[in-house]
Amino acid sequence: MSSPETEDAFPHKGFPSGWFQIAWADELAVGDVRPLHYFNRDLVLYRGRNGYHVLDAHCRHMGAHLGHGGTVVGDSIVCPYHGWRWGADGRNELVPLEKKATDRCRMGAWETVVANQIVWVWFDAQGRPPLFEGPVDLPGVAEGERYNVYPHCTKSWRKVKTRPQYIPENNVDVEHLRWIHKAKGPIETTRIEIDGYKMQIANNITYGFGKKSTRLTPDGPIVVEVGAELWGMGFQYTFFPQPDSAVSIQAQTPVDDEHCDMFQTVLVMGEDDFNPVEPPEGMAAARVREQFVQIERDIPIWENMKYIADASLSPQEEKAMTIVRHWAERFYPEDA
């Protein structure tokens, strides 16, 4: 029997509303179909002639899973069991036995966007349309100034025992940077701002503190304002203006009540005459490796922690943690 000291005290039920990553765009060619399981639901992702589409997985005719044997026609998907064809909006387009469409039933259709070479889906337990805009391409992506992210600048960790909210809380926890990420030297929080469903955080960190050179600071230590932009509980951008203008996209998508798939995408700049489809080289390669290492240090903490709602915080920690926990409440429909 667990005691009050060891019980998990996470205060929210269900999944938060928001935009969540479900794939990297280049994982799927036109015509590809993929079964998914997120938010305790079976889904099907497919790439049609004009983009990426997500439907509830089980055909409304007799329940076959469209992700196992379904085929793509234009921007529609055909059930492998009896050939019922469903449009990207969930409407039936053909019942072969009747030689026409039917309006007797409809598939659940999920809103998607593609940005930064990532496929995102909107989730809201109450079925509301997006409460805030979806992700858009960051500078340098559409212009071809950065390496293609998949497969060389991406990594995933499947079914990590964690909750989406752990990651935003981790962001404002400056002290963990010293213990988990081995940051040296002074760290100063310069900004925490709430803008509706987004939060911005910035810290001054000395890269390469106490060292003549590192992979990312070959010319010696530099003070960098590292900014993070959190888009709900689903993902965040971390901006590294020096020395390489890199951007880390960390995303976490609930699989079930206890697990998330974790995704790391690193946007790195190419040098003159670089080939965006090749693996990054030099400083860009060092940045990609560095970001993978850092998230791998966090994961064992998240997988084994118990959530303490009334955490015994030091005065230096309390303000930032109170802000992020209060901000998080708006994403849970039962609490908002």
C-alpha atoms as a PDB file:
ATOM      1  CA  MET A   1       0.000   0.000   0.000  1.00  0.00           C
ATOM      2  CA  SER A   2       1.383   3.402  -0.953  1.00  0.00           C
ATOM      3  CA  SER A   3       1.680   6.080   1.687  1.00  0.00           C
ATOM      4  CA  PRO A   4       0.750   9.761   1.189  1.00  0.00           C
ATOM      5  CA  GLU A   5       4.454  10.471   0.812  1.00  0.00           C
ATOM      6  CA  THR A   6       4.766   8.143  -2.200  1.00  0.00           C
ATOM      7  CA  GLU A   7       1.391   8.565  -3.942  1.00  0.00           C
ATOM      8  CA  ASP A   8       1.390  10.283  -7.291  1.00  0.00           C
ATOM      9  CA  ALA A   9      -0.563  13.525  -6.850  1.00  0.00           C
ATOM     10  CA  PHE A  10      -0.930  14.760 -10.441  1.00  0.00           C
ATOM     11  CA  PRO A  11      -3.972  17.052 -10.283  1.00  0.00           C
ATOM     12  CA  HIS A  12      -5.399  16.701 -13.815  1.00  0.00           C
ATOM     13  CA  LYS A  13      -7.405  13.964 -15.499  1.00  0.00           C
ATOM     14  CA  GLY A  14      -7.375  13.118 -19.173  1.00  0.00           C
ATOM     15  CA  PHE A  15      -5.132  14.516 -21.882  1.00  0.00           C
ATOM     16  CA  PRO A  16      -4.354  18.193 -22.419  1.00  0.00           C
ATOM     17  CA  SER A  17      -5.609  19.982 -25.513  1.00  0.00           C
ATOM     18  CA  GLY A  18      -3.017  20.997 -28.061  1.00  0.00           C
ATOM     19  CA  TRP A  19      -0.978  20.247 -31.156  1.00  0.00           C
ATOM     20  CA  PHE A  20       1.002  17.016 -31.009  1.00  0.00           C
ATOM     21  CA  GLN A  21       3.573  15.400 -33.283  1.00  0.00           C
ATOM     22  CA  ILE A  22       2.612  12.095 -34.902  1.00  0.00           C
ATOM     23  CA  ALA A  23       5.349  11.670 -37.539  1.00  0.00           C
ATOM     24  CA  TRP A  24       8.067  13.318 -39.570  1.00  0.00           C
ATOM     25  CA  ALA A  25       6.771  14.240 -42.996  1.00  0.00           C
ATOM     26  CA  ASP A  26       9.481  12.432 -44.935  1.00  0.00           C
ATOM     27  CA  GLU A  27       8.715   9.144 -43.187  1.00  0.00           C
ATOM     28  CA  LEU A  28       5.736   8.689 -45.512  1.00  0.00           C
ATOM     29  CA  ALA A  29       5.675   8.659 -49.294  1.00  0.00           C
ATOM     30  CA  VAL A  30       2.477   9.435 -51.190  1.00  0.00           C
ATOM     31  CA  GLY A  31       0.218   6.405 -50.768  1.00  0.00           C
ATOM     32  CA  ASP A  32       1.716   5.242 -47.476  1.00  0.00           C
ATOM     33  CA  VAL A  33      -0.599   4.227 -44.631  1.00  0.00           C
ATOM     34  CA  ARG A  34       0.395   3.949 -40.961  1.00  0.00           C
ATOM     35  CA  PRO A  35      -1.550   2.717 -37.918  1.00  0.00           C
ATOM     36  CA  LEU A  36      -1.164   4.919 -34.826  1.00  0.00           C
ATOM     37  CA  HIS A  37      -2.230   4.709 -31.192  1.00  0.00           C
ATOM     38  CA  TYR A  38      -2.390   8.020 -29.358  1.00  0.00           C
ATOM     39  CA  PHE A  39      -4.691   9.508 -26.696  1.00  0.00           C
ATOM     40  CA  ASN A  40      -5.883   5.962 -25.904  1.00  0.00           C
ATOM     41  CA  ARG A  41      -7.337   5.803 -29.431  1.00  0.00           C
ATOM     42  CA  ASP A  42      -6.567   3.813 -32.566  1.00  0.00           C
ATOM     43  CA  LEU A  43      -5.899   6.154 -35.490  1.00  0.00           C
ATOM     44  CA  VAL A  44      -4.752   5.861 -39.082  1.00  0.00           C
ATOM     45  CA  LEU A  45      -2.345   8.287 -40.752  1.00  0.00           C
ATOM     46  CA  TYR A  46      -1.984   8.296 -44.526  1.00  0.00           C
ATOM     47  CA  ARG A  47      -0.368  10.501 -47.111  1.00  0.00           C
ATOM     48  CA  GLY A  48      -2.651  11.391 -49.972  1.00  0.00           C
ATOM     49  CA  ARG A  49      -2.019  13.218 -53.211  1.00  0.00           C
ATOM     50  CA  ASN A  50      -2.365  16.607 -51.497  1.00  0.00           C
ATOM     51  CA  GLY A  51      -1.134  16.005 -47.969  1.00  0.00           C
ATOM     52  CA  TYR A  52      -1.355  14.081 -44.728  1.00  0.00           C
ATOM     53  CA  HIS A  53      -4.630  12.926 -43.195  1.00  0.00           C
ATOM     54  CA  VAL A  54      -5.677  11.295 -39.925  1.00  0.00           C
ATOM     55  CA  LEU A  55      -8.916   9.409 -39.300  1.00  0.00           C
ATOM     56  CA  ASP A  56     -10.231   7.212 -36.544  1.00  0.00           C
ATOM     57  CA  ALA A  57      -8.819   3.796 -37.349  1.00  0.00           C
ATOM     58  CA  HIS A  58     -11.820   1.478 -37.498  1.00  0.00           C
ATOM     59  CA  CYS A  59     -14.071   1.494 -40.538  1.00  0.00           C
ATOM     60  CA  ARG A  60     -17.625   2.454 -39.591  1.00  0.00           C
ATOM     61  CA  HIS A  61     -18.972  -0.392 -41.725  1.00  0.00           C
ATOM     62  CA  MET A  62     -17.771  -3.472 -39.808  1.00  0.00           C
ATOM     63  CA  GLY A  63     -14.799  -2.264 -37.805  1.00  0.00           C
ATOM     64  CA  ALA A  64     -11.759  -3.206 -39.868  1.00  0.00           C
ATOM     65  CA  HIS A  65      -8.591  -1.236 -39.030  1.00  0.00           C
ATOM     66  CA  LEU A  66      -7.794   1.020 -41.992  1.00  0.00           C
ATOM     67  CA  GLY A  67      -4.145   1.144 -40.968  1.00  0.00           C
ATOM     68  CA  HIS A  68      -3.676  -2.550 -41.679  1.00  0.00           C
ATOM     69  CA  GLY A  69      -4.194  -3.109 -45.376  1.00  0.00           C
ATOM     70  CA  GLY A  70      -5.974   0.129 -46.237  1.00  0.00           C
ATOM     71  CA  THR A  71      -5.016   1.711 -49.569  1.00  0.00           C
ATOM     72  CA  VAL A  72      -4.876   5.338 -50.691  1.00  0.00           C
ATOM     73  CA  VAL A  73      -6.808   6.678 -53.679  1.00  0.00           C
ATOM     74  CA  GLY A  74      -6.175  10.377 -54.278  1.00  0.00           C
ATOM     75  CA  ASP A  75      -6.755  11.877 -50.829  1.00  0.00           C
ATOM     76  CA  SER A  76      -9.080   9.101 -49.676  1.00  0.00           C
ATOM     77  CA  ILE A  77      -8.495   5.745 -48.015  1.00  0.00           C
ATOM     78  CA  VAL A  78     -10.110   2.437 -48.939  1.00  0.00           C
ATOM     79  CA  CYS A  79     -10.995  -0.149 -46.308  1.00  0.00           C
ATOM     80  CA  PRO A  80      -9.301  -3.538 -46.925  1.00  0.00           C
ATOM     81  CA  TYR A  81     -12.359  -5.494 -45.721  1.00  0.00           C
ATOM     82  CA  HIS A  82     -15.185  -4.459 -48.064  1.00  0.00           C
ATOM     83  CA  GLY A  83     -13.757  -1.565 -50.059  1.00  0.00           C
ATOM     84  CA  TRP A  84     -15.630   1.279 -48.406  1.00  0.00           C
ATOM     85  CA  ARG A  85     -13.856   4.515 -49.376  1.00  0.00           C
ATOM     86  CA  TRP A  86     -13.525   7.390 -46.928  1.00  0.00           C
ATOM     87  CA  GLY A  87     -12.535  10.970 -47.663  1.00  0.00           C
ATOM     88  CA  ALA A  88     -10.053  12.991 -45.622  1.00  0.00           C
ATOM     89  CA  ASP A  89     -13.008  14.782 -44.007  1.00  0.00           C
ATOM     90  CA  GLY A  90     -14.408  11.464 -42.752  1.00  0.00           C
ATOM     91  CA  ARG A  91     -17.317  11.347 -45.215  1.00  0.00           C
ATOM     92  CA  ASN A  92     -18.043   8.160 -47.088  1.00  0.00           C
ATOM     93  CA  GLU A  93     -17.343   8.365 -50.816  1.00  0.00           C
ATOM     94  CA  LEU A  94     -18.258   4.870 -51.978  1.00  0.00           C
ATOM     95  CA  VAL A  95     -19.967   1.690 -50.801  1.00  0.00           C
ATOM     96  CA  PRO A  96     -19.064  -0.819 -53.567  1.00  0.00           C
ATOM     97  CA  LEU A  97     -22.068  -3.057 -52.916  1.00  0.00           C
ATOM     98  CA  GLU A  98     -24.410  -0.094 -53.394  1.00  0.00           C
ATOM     99  CA  LYS A  99     -22.295   1.556 -56.115  1.00  0.00           C
ATOM    100  CA  LYS A 100     -22.705   4.923 -54.403  1.00  0.00           C
ATOM    101  CA  ALA A 101     -21.759   6.839 -51.255  1.00  0.00           C
ATOM    102  CA  THR A 102     -23.735   6.622 -48.032  1.00  0.00           C
ATOM    103  CA  ASP A 103     -24.458   9.226 -45.367  1.00  0.00           C
ATOM    104  CA  ARG A 104     -25.485   6.614 -42.782  1.00  0.00           C
ATOM    105  CA  CYS A 105     -22.209   6.997 -40.910  1.00  0.00           C
ATOM    106  CA  ARG A 106     -19.042   9.061 -40.839  1.00  0.00           C
ATOM    107  CA  MET A 107     -15.445   8.533 -39.720  1.00  0.00           C
ATOM    108  CA  GLY A 108     -13.846  10.786 -37.124  1.00  0.00           C
ATOM    109  CA  ALA A 109     -11.414  13.128 -38.913  1.00  0.00           C
ATOM    110  CA  TRP A 110      -8.518  14.913 -37.196  1.00  0.00           C
ATOM    111  CA  GLU A 111      -7.111  18.302 -38.131  1.00  0.00           C
ATOM    112  CA  THR A 112      -3.459  18.183 -39.206  1.00  0.00           C
ATOM    113  CA  VAL A 113      -0.758  20.630 -40.243  1.00  0.00           C
ATOM    114  CA  VAL A 114       2.750  20.113 -41.572  1.00  0.00           C
ATOM    115  CA  ALA A 115       5.454  22.471 -40.327  1.00  0.00           C
ATOM    116  CA  ASN A 116       9.218  22.161 -39.948  1.00  0.00           C
ATOM    117  CA  GLN A 117       8.934  18.822 -41.808  1.00  0.00           C
ATOM    118  CA  ILE A 118       6.806  17.428 -38.955  1.00  0.00           C
ATOM    119  CA  VAL A 119       3.196  16.206 -39.100  1.00  0.00           C
ATOM    120  CA  TRP A 120       1.083  17.591 -36.243  1.00  0.00           C
ATOM    121  CA  VAL A 121      -2.439  16.701 -35.152  1.00  0.00           C
ATOM    122  CA  TRP A 122      -4.872  18.736 -33.039  1.00  0.00           C
ATOM    123  CA  PHE A 123      -6.358  16.961 -29.997  1.00  0.00           C
ATOM    124  CA  ASP A 124      -9.135  18.172 -27.731  1.00  0.00           C
ATOM    125  CA  ALA A 125     -11.089  15.752 -25.552  1.00  0.00           C
ATOM    126  CA  GLN A 126     -14.267  17.800 -26.040  1.00  0.00           C
ATOM    127  CA  GLY A 127     -13.920  17.865 -29.813  1.00  0.00           C
ATOM    128  CA  ARG A 128     -13.404  21.624 -29.999  1.00  0.00           C
ATOM    129  CA  PRO A 129     -11.603  23.126 -33.002  1.00  0.00           C
ATOM    130  CA  PRO A 130      -8.061  24.396 -32.394  1.00  0.00           C
ATOM    131  CA  LEU A 131      -7.848  26.885 -29.542  1.00  0.00           C
ATOM    132  CA  PHE A 132      -4.630  28.311 -30.964  1.00  0.00           C
ATOM    133  CA  GLU A 133      -2.942  28.237 -34.351  1.00  0.00           C
ATOM    134  CA  GLY A 134      -0.866  25.288 -35.455  1.00  0.00           C
ATOM    135  CA  PRO A 135       2.910  25.319 -35.903  1.00  0.00           C
ATOM    136  CA  VAL A 136       4.440  27.068 -38.918  1.00  0.00           C
ATOM    137  CA  ASP A 137       7.822  26.760 -40.616  1.00  0.00           C
ATOM    138  CA  LEU A 138      10.601  28.482 -38.727  1.00  0.00           C
ATOM    139  CA  PRO A 139      13.059  30.704 -40.632  1.00  0.00           C
ATOM    140  CA  GLY A 140      15.399  28.784 -42.885  1.00  0.00           C
ATOM    141  CA  VAL A 141      13.230  25.667 -43.273  1.00  0.00           C
ATOM    142  CA  ALA A 142      11.112  26.547 -46.309  1.00  0.00           C
ATOM    143  CA  GLU A 143      14.044  28.505 -47.748  1.00  0.00           C
ATOM    144  CA  GLY A 144      16.249  25.406 -47.819  1.00  0.00           C
ATOM    145  CA  GLU A 145      18.893  26.920 -45.545  1.00  0.00           C
ATOM    146  CA  ARG A 146      18.683  24.076 -43.025  1.00  0.00           C
ATOM    147  CA  TYR A 147      19.341  20.364 -43.314  1.00  0.00           C
ATOM    148  CA  ASN A 148      16.332  18.153 -43.929  1.00  0.00           C
ATOM    149  CA  VAL A 149      15.357  16.884 -40.518  1.00  0.00           C
ATOM    150  CA  TYR A 150      14.505  13.249 -41.320  1.00  0.00           C
ATOM    151  CA  PRO A 151      16.308  10.958 -40.814  1.00  0.00           C
ATOM    152  CA  HIS A 152      19.608  12.521 -39.772  1.00  0.00           C
ATOM    153  CA  CYS A 153      18.417  15.239 -37.372  1.00  0.00           C
ATOM    154  CA  THR A 154      15.683  13.348 -35.542  1.00  0.00           C
ATOM    155  CA  LYS A 155      15.296  10.795 -32.793  1.00  0.00           C
ATOM    156  CA  SER A 156      12.317   9.247 -31.001  1.00  0.00           C
ATOM    157  CA  TRP A 157      11.845   7.425 -27.721  1.00  0.00           C
ATOM    158  CA  ARG A 158       8.688   5.327 -27.681  1.00  0.00           C
ATOM    159  CA  LYS A 159       6.310   4.747 -24.758  1.00  0.00           C
ATOM    160  CA  VAL A 160       8.291   6.731 -22.208  1.00  0.00           C
ATOM    161  CA  LYS A 161       6.570   6.623 -18.833  1.00  0.00           C
ATOM    162  CA  THR A 162       5.859  10.316 -18.432  1.00  0.00           C
ATOM    163  CA  ARG A 163       3.194  13.008 -18.769  1.00  0.00           C
ATOM    164  CA  PRO A 164       3.305  15.927 -21.234  1.00  0.00           C
ATOM    165  CA  GLN A 165       3.309  18.481 -18.398  1.00  0.00           C
ATOM    166  CA  TYR A 166       6.607  17.213 -16.994  1.00  0.00           C
ATOM    167  CA  ILE A 167       8.466  18.787 -19.903  1.00  0.00           C
ATOM    168  CA  PRO A 168       7.226  22.402 -19.516  1.00  0.00           C
ATOM    169  CA  GLU A 169       7.905  22.171 -15.788  1.00  0.00           C
ATOM    170  CA  ASN A 170      11.369  20.883 -16.603  1.00  0.00           C
ATOM    171  CA  ASN A 171      11.911  24.002 -18.700  1.00  0.00           C
ATOM    172  CA  VAL A 172      11.535  26.483 -15.873  1.00  0.00           C
ATOM    173  CA  ASP A 173      13.596  24.349 -13.498  1.00  0.00           C
ATOM    174  CA  VAL A 174      16.901  26.155 -13.883  1.00  0.00           C
ATOM    175  CA  GLU A 175      18.677  24.229 -11.136  1.00  0.00           C
ATOM    176  CA  HIS A 176      18.257  20.879 -12.911  1.00  0.00           C
ATOM    177  CA  LEU A 177      20.471  22.255 -15.690  1.00  0.00           C
ATOM    178  CA  ARG A 178      23.413  21.910 -13.312  1.00  0.00           C
ATOM    179  CA  TRP A 179      22.624  18.434 -12.036  1.00  0.00           C
ATOM    180  CA  ILE A 180      21.204  16.701 -15.101  1.00  0.00           C
ATOM    181  CA  HIS A 181      22.759  18.627 -17.988  1.00  0.00           C
ATOM    182  CA  LYS A 182      26.097  19.428 -16.318  1.00  0.00           C
ATOM    183  CA  ALA A 183      25.835  23.178 -16.920  1.00  0.00           C
ATOM    184  CA  LYS A 184      28.653  25.130 -15.310  1.00  0.00           C
ATOM    185  CA  GLY A 185      28.897  28.745 -14.344  1.00  0.00           C
ATOM    186  CA  PRO A 186      26.138  31.278 -13.675  1.00  0.00           C
ATOM    187  CA  ILE A 187      22.603  30.742 -15.032  1.00  0.00           C
ATOM    188  CA  GLU A 188      20.203  33.669 -14.999  1.00  0.00           C
ATOM    189  CA  THR A 189      16.519  33.581 -15.946  1.00  0.00           C
ATOM    190  CA  THR A 190      15.911  36.775 -17.923  1.00  0.00           C
ATOM    191  CA  ARG A 191      12.313  36.290 -19.020  1.00  0.00           C
ATOM    192  CA  ILE A 192       9.145  34.302 -18.290  1.00  0.00           C
ATOM    193  CA  GLU A 193       6.138  35.578 -20.230  1.00  0.00           C
ATOM    194  CA  ILE A 194       2.656  34.161 -20.800  1.00  0.00           C
ATOM    195  CA  ASP A 195       0.887  34.862 -24.082  1.00  0.00           C
ATOM    196  CA  GLY A 196      -2.389  32.967 -23.877  1.00  0.00           C
ATOM    197  CA  TYR A 197      -1.620  29.383 -24.858  1.00  0.00           C
ATOM    198  CA  LYS A 198       2.100  30.067 -25.308  1.00  0.00           C
ATOM    199  CA  MET A 199       4.863  30.639 -22.812  1.00  0.00           C
ATOM    200  CA  GLN A 200       8.281  32.170 -23.428  1.00  0.00           C
ATOM    201  CA  ILE A 201      11.281  31.541 -21.213  1.00  0.00           C
ATOM    202  CA  ALA A 202      14.857  32.767 -21.568  1.00  0.00           C
ATOM    203  CA  ASN A 203      18.024  31.982 -19.610  1.00  0.00           C
ATOM    204  CA  ASN A 204      21.551  33.361 -19.891  1.00  0.00           C
ATOM    205  CA  ILE A 205      23.957  30.411 -19.908  1.00  0.00           C
ATOM    206  CA  THR A 206      27.729  30.364 -20.360  1.00  0.00           C
ATOM    207  CA  TYR A 207      28.572  27.755 -22.970  1.00  0.00           C
ATOM    208  CA  GLY A 208      31.937  26.103 -22.467  1.00  0.00           C
ATOM    209  CA  PHE A 209      32.361  27.623 -18.994  1.00  0.00           C
ATOM    210  CA  GLY A 210      35.861  27.000 -17.651  1.00  0.00           C
ATOM    211  CA  LYS A 211      37.110  25.291 -20.827  1.00  0.00           C
ATOM    212  CA  LYS A 212      39.419  26.542 -23.543  1.00  0.00           C
ATOM    213  CA  SER A 213      37.230  24.984 -26.221  1.00  0.00           C
ATOM    214  CA  THR A 214      34.389  22.507 -26.752  1.00  0.00           C
ATOM    215  CA  ARG A 215      32.619  21.077 -29.802  1.00  0.00           C
ATOM    216  CA  LEU A 216      30.198  24.005 -29.763  1.00  0.00           C
ATOM    217  CA  THR A 217      32.582  26.670 -28.465  1.00  0.00           C
ATOM    218  CA  PRO A 218      35.864  26.097 -30.327  1.00  0.00           C
ATOM    219  CA  ASP A 219      36.986  29.695 -29.626  1.00  0.00           C
ATOM    220  CA  GLY A 220      36.275  29.619 -25.896  1.00  0.00           C
ATOM    221  CA  PRO A 221      33.300  30.303 -23.595  1.00  0.00           C
ATOM    222  CA  ILE A 222      30.389  32.459 -24.735  1.00  0.00           C
ATOM    223  CA  VAL A 223      27.354  33.811 -22.870  1.00  0.00           C
ATOM    224  CA  VAL A 224      24.179  32.881 -24.740  1.00  0.00           C
ATOM    225  CA  GLU A 225      20.563  33.829 -24.082  1.00  0.00           C
ATOM    226  CA  VAL A 226      18.806  30.514 -24.724  1.00  0.00           C
ATOM    227  CA  GLY A 227      15.129  31.128 -25.363  1.00  0.00           C
ATOM    228  CA  ALA A 228      12.310  28.581 -25.255  1.00  0.00           C
ATOM    229  CA  GLU A 229       8.816  28.955 -26.693  1.00  0.00           C
ATOM    230  CA  LEU A 230       6.305  26.472 -25.317  1.00  0.00           C
ATOM    231  CA  TRP A 231       3.187  25.743 -27.367  1.00  0.00           C
ATOM    232  CA  GLY A 232       0.948  24.126 -24.797  1.00  0.00           C
ATOM    233  CA  MET A 233       1.802  20.737 -23.377  1.00  0.00           C
ATOM    234  CA  GLY A 234       2.641  19.249 -26.774  1.00  0.00           C
ATOM    235  CA  PHE A 235       5.933  20.769 -27.838  1.00  0.00           C
ATOM    236  CA  GLN A 236       8.460  23.538 -27.486  1.00  0.00           C
ATOM    237  CA  TYR A 237      11.090  25.321 -29.507  1.00  0.00           C
ATOM    238  CA  THR A 238      14.463  26.033 -27.923  1.00  0.00           C
ATOM    239  CA  PHE A 239      16.504  28.664 -29.768  1.00  0.00           C
ATOM    240  CA  PHE A 240      20.302  28.724 -29.732  1.00  0.00           C
ATOM    241  CA  PRO A 241      21.268  32.029 -31.410  1.00  0.00           C
ATOM    242  CA  GLN A 242      24.953  31.301 -30.831  1.00  0.00           C
ATOM    243  CA  PRO A 243      27.130  29.809 -32.059  1.00  0.00           C
ATOM    244  CA  ASP A 244      25.029  28.133 -34.771  1.00  0.00           C
ATOM    245  CA  SER A 245      21.419  29.472 -34.942  1.00  0.00           C
ATOM    246  CA  ALA A 246      20.129  25.972 -34.193  1.00  0.00           C
ATOM    247  CA  VAL A 247      16.584  25.214 -33.025  1.00  0.00           C
ATOM    248  CA  SER A 248      15.566  22.199 -30.989  1.00  0.00           C
ATOM    249  CA  ILE A 249      11.957  20.994 -31.284  1.00  0.00           C
ATOM    250  CA  GLN A 250      11.060  18.742 -28.384  1.00  0.00           C
ATOM    251  CA  ALA A 251       7.640  17.111 -28.642  1.00  0.00           C
ATOM    252  CA  GLN A 252       5.726  14.709 -26.435  1.00  0.00           C
ATOM    253  CA  THR A 253       2.538  12.931 -27.530  1.00  0.00           C
ATOM    254  CA  PRO A 254       0.407  10.895 -25.108  1.00  0.00           C
ATOM    255  CA  VAL A 255       0.030   7.242 -26.023  1.00  0.00           C
ATOM    256  CA  ASP A 256      -2.115   6.370 -23.024  1.00  0.00           C
ATOM    257  CA  ASP A 257      -2.653   7.650 -19.486  1.00  0.00           C
ATOM    258  CA  GLU A 258       0.916   6.837 -18.422  1.00  0.00           C
ATOM    259  CA  HIS A 259       3.110   6.974 -21.527  1.00  0.00           C
ATOM    260  CA  CYS A 260       4.218   9.409 -24.209  1.00  0.00           C
ATOM    261  CA  ASP A 261       6.177   9.065 -27.406  1.00  0.00           C
ATOM    262  CA  MET A 262       9.039  11.559 -27.218  1.00  0.00           C
ATOM    263  CA  PHE A 263      10.360  13.239 -30.376  1.00  0.00           C
ATOM    264  CA  GLN A 264      13.476  15.337 -30.865  1.00  0.00           C
ATOM    265  CA  THR A 265      14.038  17.371 -34.031  1.00  0.00           C
ATOM    266  CA  VAL A 266      17.084  19.598 -34.499  1.00  0.00           C
ATOM    267  CA  LEU A 267      17.054  22.340 -37.124  1.00  0.00           C
ATOM    268  CA  VAL A 268      20.622  23.135 -38.097  1.00  0.00           C
ATOM    269  CA  MET A 269      22.041  25.469 -40.715  1.00  0.00           C
ATOM    270  CA  GLY A 270      24.092  24.302 -43.656  1.00  0.00           C
ATOM    271  CA  GLU A 271      27.239  25.992 -44.914  1.00  0.00           C
ATOM    272  CA  ASP A 272      27.891  27.147 -48.479  1.00  0.00           C
ATOM    273  CA  ASP A 273      26.976  24.565 -51.136  1.00  0.00           C
ATOM    274  CA  PHE A 274      25.724  22.060 -48.538  1.00  0.00           C
ATOM    275  CA  ASN A 275      23.409  19.221 -49.552  1.00  0.00           C
ATOM    276  CA  PRO A 276      20.313  19.306 -47.321  1.00  0.00           C
ATOM    277  CA  VAL A 277      19.603  15.587 -47.716  1.00  0.00           C
ATOM    278  CA  GLU A 278      23.048  14.520 -46.500  1.00  0.00           C
ATOM    279  CA  PRO A 279      23.962  14.031 -42.812  1.00  0.00           C
ATOM    280  CA  PRO A 280      25.046  17.276 -41.107  1.00  0.00           C
ATOM    281  CA  GLU A 281      28.755  17.938 -40.777  1.00  0.00           C
ATOM    282  CA  GLY A 282      30.982  19.908 -38.416  1.00  0.00           C
ATOM    283  CA  MET A 283      29.245  22.263 -35.997  1.00  0.00           C
ATOM    284  CA  ALA A 284      25.810  21.136 -37.225  1.00  0.00           C
ATOM    285  CA  ALA A 285      26.575  17.480 -36.480  1.00  0.00           C
ATOM    286  CA  ALA A 286      27.871  18.412 -33.025  1.00  0.00           C
ATOM    287  CA  ARG A 287      24.661  20.294 -32.236  1.00  0.00           C
ATOM    288  CA  VAL A 288      22.467  17.337 -33.264  1.00  0.00           C
ATOM    289  CA  ARG A 289      24.445  14.916 -31.097  1.00  0.00           C
ATOM    290  CA  GLU A 290      24.382  17.339 -28.179  1.00  0.00           C
ATOM    291  CA  GLN A 291      20.589  17.662 -28.214  1.00  0.00           C
ATOM    292  CA  PHE A 292      20.054  13.913 -28.311  1.00  0.00           C
ATOM    293  CA  VAL A 293      22.368  13.459 -25.341  1.00  0.00           C
ATOM    294  CA  GLN A 294      20.597  16.112 -23.307  1.00  0.00           C
ATOM    295  CA  ILE A 295      17.089  14.672 -23.646  1.00  0.00           C
ATOM    296  CA  GLU A 296      18.408  11.191 -22.865  1.00  0.00           C
ATOM    297  CA  ARG A 297      19.602  12.559 -19.532  1.00  0.00           C
ATOM    298  CA  ASP A 298      16.093  13.777 -18.674  1.00  0.00           C
ATOM    299  CA  ILE A 299      14.179  10.619 -19.555  1.00  0.00           C
ATOM    300  CA  PRO A 300      15.222   8.428 -16.577  1.00  0.00           C
ATOM    301  CA  ILE A 301      14.050  11.185 -14.216  1.00  0.00           C
ATOM    302  CA  TRP A 302      10.638  11.491 -15.884  1.00  0.00           C
ATOM    303  CA  GLU A 303      10.123   7.732 -16.066  1.00  0.00           C
ATOM    304  CA  ASN A 304      10.659   7.158 -12.361  1.00  0.00           C
ATOM    305  CA  MET A 305       9.361  10.290 -10.654  1.00  0.00           C
ATOM    306  CA  LYS A 306       6.186  10.786  -8.613  1.00  0.00           C
ATOM    307  CA  TYR A 307       4.363  14.068  -9.119  1.00  0.00           C
ATOM    308  CA  ILE A 308       4.206  16.182  -5.970  1.00  0.00           C
ATOM    309  CA  ALA A 309       1.517  18.833  -6.258  1.00  0.00           C
ATOM    310  CA  ASP A 310       2.611  20.714  -3.138  1.00  0.00           C
ATOM    311  CA  ALA A 311       6.328  20.399  -3.814  1.00  0.00           C
ATOM    312  CA  SER A 312       8.651  21.803  -1.165  1.00  0.00           C
ATOM    313  CA  LEU A 313      10.201  24.463  -3.356  1.00  0.00           C
ATOM    314  CA  SER A 314      13.048  26.792  -2.541  1.00  0.00           C
ATOM    315  CA  PRO A 315      12.200  30.517  -2.802  1.00  0.00           C
ATOM    316  CA  GLN A 316      14.305  30.724  -5.977  1.00  0.00           C
ATOM    317  CA  GLU A 317      12.207  27.960  -7.594  1.00  0.00           C
ATOM    318  CA  GLU A 318       8.726  28.841  -6.413  1.00  0.00           C
ATOM    319  CA  LYS A 319       7.847  31.762  -8.672  1.00  0.00           C
ATOM    320  CA  ALA A 320       8.663  30.054 -11.969  1.00  0.00           C
ATOM    321  CA  MET A 321       7.089  26.710 -11.024  1.00  0.00           C
ATOM    322  CA  THR A 322       3.907  28.420  -9.812  1.00  0.00           C
ATOM    323  CA  ILE A 323       3.637  30.306 -13.109  1.00  0.00           C
ATOM    324  CA  VAL A 324       4.015  27.217 -15.295  1.00  0.00           C
ATOM    325  CA  ARG A 325       1.639  25.075 -13.240  1.00  0.00           C
ATOM    326  CA  HIS A 326      -1.037  27.758 -13.279  1.00  0.00           C
ATOM    327  CA  TRP A 327      -0.561  28.231 -17.024  1.00  0.00           C
ATOM    328  CA  ALA A 328      -0.875  24.463 -17.585  1.00  0.00           C
ATOM    329  CA  GLU A 329      -4.362  24.340 -16.071  1.00  0.00           C
ATOM    330  CA  ARG A 330      -5.957  25.950 -19.144  1.00  0.00           C
ATOM    331  CA  PHE A 331      -5.122  22.963 -21.334  1.00  0.00           C
ATOM    332  CA  TYR A 332      -7.209  20.404 -19.409  1.00  0.00           C
ATOM    333  CA  PRO A 333     -10.867  20.726 -20.462  1.00  0.00           C
ATOM    334  CA  GLU A 334     -12.206  19.290 -17.214  1.00  0.00           C
ATOM    335  CA  ASP A 335     -10.393  21.980 -15.242  1.00  0.00           C
ATOM    336  CA  ALA A 336     -10.492  24.986 -17.571  1.00  0.00           C
END
